[in-house]
Amino acid sequence: MHQEALNKLKLLTVSNRLFELSERYVRERLSHSVPLVVRLVEEYKKILNQILNNKILFILQYFVLQMKKIKILLNYQN
């Protein structure tokens, strides 16, 4: 009975140590991963903003061109 309790205690000690090591490993990996993900999100955000700005600029240019065409047509009709 005494030996069985000692074996369970050893098993529990090893299990706790493995848990601590795995927890430390995960924490260490996350400490490297999170800044990388933050940097990637910032880069994607920057790129998406550039794309959006380019689309808005294109739409405005198209609108101005259409307005010029309408003005020319109106002037031609008069």
PDB file of N, CA and C in Angstrom:
ATOM      1  N   MET A   1       0.830  -1.192   0.000  1.00  0.00           N
ATOM      2  CA  MET A   1       0.000   0.000   0.000  1.00  0.00           C
ATOM      3  C   MET A   1       0.871   1.252   0.000  1.00  0.00           C
ATOM      4  N   HIS A   2       1.925   1.237   0.864  1.00  0.00           N
ATOM      5  CA  HIS A   2       2.835   2.375   0.948  1.00  0.00           C
ATOM      6  C   HIS A   2       3.538   2.612  -0.394  1.00  0.00           C
ATOM      7  N   GLN A   3       3.980   1.531  -1.030  1.00  0.00           N
ATOM      8  CA  GLN A   3       4.669   1.631  -2.319  1.00  0.00           C
ATOM      9  C   GLN A   3       3.731   2.172  -3.399  1.00  0.00           C
ATOM     10  N   GLU A   4       2.488   1.764  -3.367  1.00  0.00           N
ATOM     11  CA  GLU A   4       1.492   2.244  -4.341  1.00  0.00           C
ATOM     12  C   GLU A   4       1.273   3.748  -4.193  1.00  0.00           C
ATOM     13  N   ALA A   5       1.185   4.218  -2.975  1.00  0.00           N
ATOM     14  CA  ALA A   5       1.017   5.658  -2.725  1.00  0.00           C
ATOM     15  C   ALA A   5       2.244   6.428  -3.196  1.00  0.00           C
ATOM     16  N   LEU A   6       3.428   5.870  -2.945  1.00  0.00           N
ATOM     17  CA  LEU A   6       4.674   6.507  -3.381  1.00  0.00           C
ATOM     18  C   LEU A   6       4.740   6.579  -4.908  1.00  0.00           C
ATOM     19  N   ASN A   7       4.318   5.519  -5.583  1.00  0.00           N
ATOM     20  CA  ASN A   7       4.296   5.505  -7.047  1.00  0.00           C
ATOM     21  C   ASN A   7       3.313   6.542  -7.599  1.00  0.00           C
ATOM     22  N   LYS A   8       2.152   6.673  -6.976  1.00  0.00           N
ATOM     23  CA  LYS A   8       1.171   7.664  -7.405  1.00  0.00           C
ATOM     24  C   LYS A   8       1.713   9.079  -7.204  1.00  0.00           C
ATOM     25  N   LEU A   9       2.427   9.281  -6.081  1.00  0.00           N
ATOM     26  CA  LEU A   9       3.023  10.585  -5.800  1.00  0.00           C
ATOM     27  C   LEU A   9       4.085  10.931  -6.848  1.00  0.00           C
ATOM     28  N   LYS A  10       4.914   9.950  -7.199  1.00  0.00           N
ATOM     29  CA  LYS A  10       5.934  10.164  -8.223  1.00  0.00           C
ATOM     30  C   LYS A  10       5.280  10.483  -9.571  1.00  0.00           C
ATOM     31  N   LEU A  11       4.249   9.737  -9.898  1.00  0.00           N
ATOM     32  CA  LEU A  11       3.534   9.958 -11.158  1.00  0.00           C
ATOM     33  C   LEU A  11       2.928  11.362 -11.188  1.00  0.00           C
ATOM     34  N   LEU A  12       2.337  11.769 -10.063  1.00  0.00           N
ATOM     35  CA  LEU A  12       1.749  13.102  -9.964  1.00  0.00           C
ATOM     36  C   LEU A  12       2.823  14.176 -10.100  1.00  0.00           C
ATOM     37  N   THR A  13       3.983  13.958  -9.494  1.00  0.00           N
ATOM     38  CA  THR A  13       5.095  14.910  -9.580  1.00  0.00           C
ATOM     39  C   THR A  13       5.576  15.042 -11.022  1.00  0.00           C
ATOM     40  N   VAL A  14       5.740  13.926 -11.702  1.00  0.00           N
ATOM     41  CA  VAL A  14       6.169  13.939 -13.104  1.00  0.00           C
ATOM     42  C   VAL A  14       5.102  14.606 -13.962  1.00  0.00           C
ATOM     43  N   SER A  15       3.855  14.298 -13.709  1.00  0.00           N
ATOM     44  CA  SER A  15       2.760  14.894 -14.475  1.00  0.00           C
ATOM     45  C   SER A  15       2.736  16.409 -14.301  1.00  0.00           C
ATOM     46  N   ASN A  16       2.892  16.872 -13.069  1.00  0.00           N
ATOM     47  CA  ASN A  16       2.926  18.317 -12.806  1.00  0.00           C
ATOM     48  C   ASN A  16       4.104  18.985 -13.507  1.00  0.00           C
ATOM     49  N   ARG A  17       5.247  18.319 -13.463  1.00  0.00           N
ATOM     50  CA  ARG A  17       6.439  18.884 -14.124  1.00  0.00           C
ATOM     51  C   ARG A  17       6.240  18.967 -15.635  1.00  0.00           C
ATOM     52  N   LEU A  18       5.657  17.933 -16.227  1.00  0.00           N
ATOM     53  CA  LEU A  18       5.379  17.952 -17.668  1.00  0.00           C
ATOM     54  C   LEU A  18       4.399  19.076 -18.021  1.00  0.00           C
ATOM     55  N   PHE A  19       3.400  19.264 -17.161  1.00  0.00           N
ATOM     56  CA  PHE A  19       2.443  20.339 -17.387  1.00  0.00           C
ATOM     57  C   PHE A  19       3.143  21.697 -17.326  1.00  0.00           C
ATOM     58  N   GLU A  20       4.009  21.902 -16.339  1.00  0.00           N
ATOM     59  CA  GLU A  20       4.751  23.159 -16.214  1.00  0.00           C
ATOM     60  C   GLU A  20       5.622  23.408 -17.444  1.00  0.00           C
ATOM     61  N   LEU A  21       6.291  22.356 -17.899  1.00  0.00           N
ATOM     62  CA  LEU A  21       7.149  22.495 -19.079  1.00  0.00           C
ATOM     63  C   LEU A  21       6.331  22.817 -20.332  1.00  0.00           C
ATOM     64  N   SER A  22       5.208  22.144 -20.486  1.00  0.00           N
ATOM     65  CA  SER A  22       4.377  22.405 -21.662  1.00  0.00           C
ATOM     66  C   SER A  22       3.784  23.810 -21.591  1.00  0.00           C
ATOM     67  N   GLU A  23       3.397  24.239 -20.406  1.00  0.00           N
ATOM     68  CA  GLU A  23       2.871  25.592 -20.227  1.00  0.00           C
ATOM     69  C   GLU A  23       3.940  26.628 -20.574  1.00  0.00           C
ATOM     70  N   ARG A  24       5.158  26.389 -20.116  1.00  0.00           N
ATOM     71  CA  ARG A  24       6.269  27.303 -20.416  1.00  0.00           C
ATOM     72  C   ARG A  24       6.548  27.333 -21.918  1.00  0.00           C
ATOM     73  N   TYR A  25       6.512  26.168 -22.553  1.00  0.00           N
ATOM     74  CA  TYR A  25       6.740  26.087 -23.997  1.00  0.00           C
ATOM     75  C   TYR A  25       5.683  26.886 -24.769  1.00  0.00           C
ATOM     76  N   VAL A  26       4.421  26.695 -24.405  1.00  0.00           N
ATOM     77  CA  VAL A  26       3.335  27.402 -25.085  1.00  0.00           C
ATOM     78  C   VAL A  26       3.482  28.904 -24.876  1.00  0.00           C
ATOM     79  N   ARG A  27       3.765  29.309 -23.642  1.00  0.00           N
ATOM     80  CA  ARG A  27       3.930  30.734 -23.347  1.00  0.00           C
ATOM     81  C   ARG A  27       5.077  31.327 -24.175  1.00  0.00           C
ATOM     82  N   GLU A  28       6.168  30.597 -24.270  1.00  0.00           N
ATOM     83  CA  GLU A  28       7.327  31.064 -25.043  1.00  0.00           C
ATOM     84  C   GLU A  28       6.979  31.182 -26.531  1.00  0.00           C
ATOM     85  N   ARG A  29       6.289  30.171 -27.062  1.00  0.00           N
ATOM     86  CA  ARG A  29       5.884  30.211 -28.480  1.00  0.00           C
ATOM     87  C   ARG A  29       4.944  31.383 -28.739  1.00  0.00           C
ATOM     88  N   LEU A  30       3.980  31.576 -27.844  1.00  0.00           N
ATOM     89  CA  LEU A  30       3.031  32.669 -28.022  1.00  0.00           C
ATOM     90  C   LEU A  30       3.710  34.027 -27.936  1.00  0.00           C
ATOM     91  N   SER A  31       4.705  34.134 -27.093  1.00  0.00           N
ATOM     92  CA  SER A  31       5.399  35.416 -26.964  1.00  0.00           C
ATOM     93  C   SER A  31       6.093  35.794 -28.272  1.00  0.00           C
ATOM     94  N   HIS A  32       6.413  34.796 -29.096  1.00  0.00           N
ATOM     95  CA  HIS A  32       7.006  35.067 -30.405  1.00  0.00           C
ATOM     96  C   HIS A  32       5.927  35.212 -31.481  1.00  0.00           C
ATOM     97  N   SER A  33       4.840  34.487 -31.344  1.00  0.00           N
ATOM     98  CA  SER A  33       3.802  34.481 -32.369  1.00  0.00           C
ATOM     99  C   SER A  33       2.944  35.732 -32.368  1.00  0.00           C
ATOM    100  N   VAL A  34       2.595  36.213 -31.198  1.00  0.00           N
ATOM    101  CA  VAL A  34       1.680  37.354 -31.106  1.00  0.00           C
ATOM    102  C   VAL A  34       2.258  38.594 -31.789  1.00  0.00           C
ATOM    103  N   PRO A  35       3.515  38.979 -31.528  1.00  0.00           N
ATOM    104  CA  PRO A  35       4.047  40.147 -32.242  1.00  0.00           C
ATOM    105  C   PRO A  35       4.065  39.963 -33.761  1.00  0.00           C
ATOM    106  N   LEU A  36       4.318  38.750 -34.200  1.00  0.00           N
ATOM    107  CA  LEU A  36       4.312  38.469 -35.634  1.00  0.00           C
ATOM    108  C   LEU A  36       2.914  38.681 -36.211  1.00  0.00           C
ATOM    109  N   VAL A  37       1.910  38.166 -35.538  1.00  0.00           N
ATOM    110  CA  VAL A  37       0.528  38.321 -36.008  1.00  0.00           C
ATOM    111  C   VAL A  37       0.137  39.797 -36.009  1.00  0.00           C
ATOM    112  N   VAL A  38       0.509  40.522 -34.970  1.00  0.00           N
ATOM    113  CA  VAL A  38       0.203  41.961 -34.902  1.00  0.00           C
ATOM    114  C   VAL A  38       0.855  42.686 -36.079  1.00  0.00           C
ATOM    115  N   ARG A  39       2.096  42.362 -36.362  1.00  0.00           N
ATOM    116  CA  ARG A  39       2.805  43.006 -37.476  1.00  0.00           C
ATOM    117  C   ARG A  39       2.136  42.676 -38.815  1.00  0.00           C
ATOM    118  N   LEU A  40       1.739  41.425 -38.994  1.00  0.00           N
ATOM    119  CA  LEU A  40       1.070  41.027 -40.238  1.00  0.00           C
ATOM    120  C   LEU A  40      -0.268  41.748 -40.405  1.00  0.00           C
ATOM    121  N   VAL A  41      -1.028  41.854 -39.324  1.00  0.00           N
ATOM    122  CA  VAL A  41      -2.313  42.555 -39.390  1.00  0.00           C
ATOM    123  C   VAL A  41      -2.092  44.016 -39.765  1.00  0.00           C
ATOM    124  N   GLU A  42      -1.086  44.649 -39.176  1.00  0.00           N
ATOM    125  CA  GLU A  42      -0.789  46.051 -39.492  1.00  0.00           C
ATOM    126  C   GLU A  42      -0.395  46.204 -40.968  1.00  0.00           C
ATOM    127  N   GLU A  43       0.404  45.279 -41.473  1.00  0.00           N
ATOM    128  CA  GLU A  43       0.804  45.338 -42.881  1.00  0.00           C
ATOM    129  C   GLU A  43      -0.406  45.149 -43.806  1.00  0.00           C
ATOM    130  N   TYR A  44      -1.263  44.175 -43.496  1.00  0.00           N
ATOM    131  CA  TYR A  44      -2.463  43.958 -44.305  1.00  0.00           C
ATOM    132  C   TYR A  44      -3.377  45.173 -44.252  1.00  0.00           C
ATOM    133  N   LYS A  45      -3.494  45.772 -43.084  1.00  0.00           N
ATOM    134  CA  LYS A  45      -4.322  46.958 -42.927  1.00  0.00           C
ATOM    135  C   LYS A  45      -3.792  48.100 -43.802  1.00  0.00           C
ATOM    136  N   LYS A  46      -2.492  48.258 -43.801  1.00  0.00           N
ATOM    137  CA  LYS A  46      -1.862  49.302 -44.618  1.00  0.00           C
ATOM    138  C   LYS A  46      -2.129  49.049 -46.105  1.00  0.00           C
ATOM    139  N   ILE A  47      -1.952  47.814 -46.526  1.00  0.00           N
ATOM    140  CA  ILE A  47      -2.171  47.455 -47.930  1.00  0.00           C
ATOM    141  C   ILE A  47      -3.636  47.656 -48.312  1.00  0.00           C
ATOM    142  N   LEU A  48      -4.563  47.223 -47.442  1.00  0.00           N
ATOM    143  CA  LEU A  48      -5.984  47.393 -47.736  1.00  0.00           C
ATOM    144  C   LEU A  48      -6.360  48.870 -47.816  1.00  0.00           C
ATOM    145  N   ASN A  49      -5.777  49.683 -46.953  1.00  0.00           N
ATOM    146  CA  ASN A  49      -6.034  51.124 -47.015  1.00  0.00           C
ATOM    147  C   ASN A  49      -5.536  51.715 -48.329  1.00  0.00           C
ATOM    148  N   GLN A  50      -4.377  51.271 -48.779  1.00  0.00           N
ATOM    149  CA  GLN A  50      -3.844  51.754 -50.058  1.00  0.00           C
ATOM    150  C   GLN A  50      -4.765  51.345 -51.206  1.00  0.00           C
ATOM    151  N   ILE A  51      -5.223  50.109 -51.183  1.00  0.00           N
ATOM    152  CA  ILE A  51      -6.133  49.628 -52.232  1.00  0.00           C
ATOM    153  C   ILE A  51      -7.417  50.432 -52.212  1.00  0.00           C
ATOM    154  N   LEU A  52      -7.959  50.635 -51.023  1.00  0.00           N
ATOM    155  CA  LEU A  52      -9.200  51.395 -50.890  1.00  0.00           C
ATOM    156  C   LEU A  52      -9.014  52.826 -51.387  1.00  0.00           C
ATOM    157  N   ASN A  53      -7.911  53.453 -51.013  1.00  0.00           N
ATOM    158  CA  ASN A  53      -7.640  54.815 -51.465  1.00  0.00           C
ATOM    159  C   ASN A  53      -7.503  54.883 -52.988  1.00  0.00           C
ATOM    160  N   ASN A  54      -6.851  53.887 -53.562  1.00  0.00           N
ATOM    161  CA  ASN A  54      -6.710  53.844 -55.018  1.00  0.00           C
ATOM    162  C   ASN A  54      -8.068  53.675 -55.701  1.00  0.00           C
ATOM    163  N   LYS A  55      -8.938  52.839 -55.125  1.00  0.00           N
ATOM    164  CA  LYS A  55     -10.270  52.648 -55.707  1.00  0.00           C
ATOM    165  C   LYS A  55     -11.083  53.928 -55.610  1.00  0.00           C
ATOM    166  N   ILE A  56     -10.999  54.597 -54.461  1.00  0.00           N
ATOM    167  CA  ILE A  56     -11.731  55.854 -54.300  1.00  0.00           C
ATOM    168  C   ILE A  56     -11.225  56.878 -55.307  1.00  0.00           C
ATOM    169  N   LEU A  57      -9.921  56.956 -55.473  1.00  0.00           N
ATOM    170  CA  LEU A  57      -9.337  57.888 -56.435  1.00  0.00           C
ATOM    171  C   LEU A  57      -9.813  57.559 -57.848  1.00  0.00           C
ATOM    172  N   PHE A  58      -9.823  56.276 -58.196  1.00  0.00           N
ATOM    173  CA  PHE A  58     -10.287  55.857 -59.514  1.00  0.00           C
ATOM    174  C   PHE A  58     -11.750  56.244 -59.722  1.00  0.00           C
ATOM    175  N   ILE A  59     -12.581  55.995 -58.712  1.00  0.00           N
ATOM    176  CA  ILE A  59     -14.007  56.323 -58.812  1.00  0.00           C
ATOM    177  C   ILE A  59     -14.195  57.828 -58.987  1.00  0.00           C
ATOM    178  N   LEU A  60     -13.447  58.605 -58.240  1.00  0.00           N
ATOM    179  CA  LEU A  60     -13.552  60.072 -58.373  1.00  0.00           C
ATOM    180  C   LEU A  60     -13.110  60.537 -59.769  1.00  0.00           C
ATOM    181  N   GLN A  61     -12.025  59.963 -60.242  1.00  0.00           N
ATOM    182  CA  GLN A  61     -11.567  60.320 -61.582  1.00  0.00           C
ATOM    183  C   GLN A  61     -12.607  59.945 -62.633  1.00  0.00           C
ATOM    184  N   TYR A  62     -13.201  58.791 -62.491  1.00  0.00           N
ATOM    185  CA  TYR A  62     -14.238  58.339 -63.413  1.00  0.00           C
ATOM    186  C   TYR A  62     -15.438  59.290 -63.358  1.00  0.00           C
ATOM    187  N   PHE A  63     -15.822  59.665 -62.153  1.00  0.00           N
ATOM    188  CA  PHE A  63     -16.953  60.574 -61.975  1.00  0.00           C
ATOM    189  C   PHE A  63     -16.671  61.922 -62.642  1.00  0.00           C
ATOM    190  N   VAL A  64     -15.483  62.449 -62.447  1.00  0.00           N
ATOM    191  CA  VAL A  64     -15.109  63.730 -63.066  1.00  0.00           C
ATOM    192  C   VAL A  64     -15.136  63.596 -64.587  1.00  0.00           C
ATOM    193  N   LEU A  65     -14.628  62.523 -65.104  1.00  0.00           N
ATOM    194  CA  LEU A  65     -14.635  62.289 -66.547  1.00  0.00           C
ATOM    195  C   LEU A  65     -16.069  62.238 -67.080  1.00  0.00           C
ATOM    196  N   GLN A  66     -16.937  61.540 -66.369  1.00  0.00           N
ATOM    197  CA  GLN A  66     -18.340  61.457 -66.795  1.00  0.00           C
ATOM    198  C   GLN A  66     -19.011  62.830 -66.750  1.00  0.00           C
ATOM    199  N   MET A  67     -18.696  63.592 -65.749  1.00  0.00           N
ATOM    200  CA  MET A  67     -19.261  64.942 -65.640  1.00  0.00           C
ATOM    201  C   MET A  67     -18.790  65.819 -66.807  1.00  0.00           C
ATOM    202  N   LYS A  68     -17.527  65.655 -67.192  1.00  0.00           N
ATOM    203  CA  LYS A  68     -16.998  66.417 -68.338  1.00  0.00           C
ATOM    204  C   LYS A  68     -17.720  66.005 -69.621  1.00  0.00           C
ATOM    205  N   LYS A  69     -17.966  64.701 -69.755  1.00  0.00           N
ATOM    206  CA  LYS A  69     -18.689  64.218 -70.936  1.00  0.00           C
ATOM    207  C   LYS A  69     -20.106  64.794 -70.970  1.00  0.00           C
ATOM    208  N   ILE A  70     -20.762  64.818 -69.833  1.00  0.00           N
ATOM    209  CA  ILE A  70     -22.121  65.379 -69.757  1.00  0.00           C
ATOM    210  C   ILE A  70     -22.086  66.859 -70.103  1.00  0.00           C
ATOM    211  N   LYS A  71     -21.112  67.557 -69.605  1.00  0.00           N
ATOM    212  CA  LYS A  71     -20.989  68.992 -69.875  1.00  0.00           C
ATOM    213  C   LYS A  71     -20.778  69.228 -71.371  1.00  0.00           C
ATOM    214  N   ILE A  72     -19.932  68.415 -71.974  1.00  0.00           N
ATOM    215  CA  ILE A  72     -19.678  68.542 -73.412  1.00  0.00           C
ATOM    216  C   ILE A  72     -20.957  68.263 -74.189  1.00  0.00           C
ATOM    217  N   LEU A  73     -21.696  67.220 -73.788  1.00  0.00           N
ATOM    218  CA  LEU A  73     -22.951  66.889 -74.474  1.00  0.00           C
ATOM    219  C   LEU A  73     -23.979  68.020 -74.329  1.00  0.00           C
ATOM    220  N   LEU A  74     -24.067  68.571 -73.150  1.00  0.00           N
ATOM    221  CA  LEU A  74     -25.013  69.669 -72.918  1.00  0.00           C
ATOM    222  C   LEU A  74     -24.628  70.906 -73.732  1.00  0.00           C
ATOM    223  N   ASN A  75     -23.365  71.189 -73.808  1.00  0.00           N
ATOM    224  CA  ASN A  75     -22.884  72.332 -74.583  1.00  0.00           C
ATOM    225  C   ASN A  75     -23.116  72.098 -76.080  1.00  0.00           C
ATOM    226  N   TYR A  76     -22.954  70.867 -76.499  1.00  0.00           N
ATOM    227  CA  TYR A  76     -23.126  70.518 -77.911  1.00  0.00           C
ATOM    228  C   TYR A  76     -24.599  70.654 -78.328  1.00  0.00           C
ATOM    229  N   GLN A  77     -25.494  70.281 -77.399  1.00  0.00           N
ATOM    230  CA  GLN A  77     -26.920  70.337 -77.693  1.00  0.00           C
ATOM    231  C   GLN A  77     -27.425  71.782 -77.744  1.00  0.00           C
ATOM    232  N   ASN A  78     -26.793  72.678 -77.074  1.00  0.00           N
ATOM    233  CA  ASN A  78     -27.246  74.081 -77.046  1.00  0.00           C
ATOM    234  C   ASN A  78     -26.732  74.800 -78.221  1.00  0.00           C
TER     235      ASN A  78
END
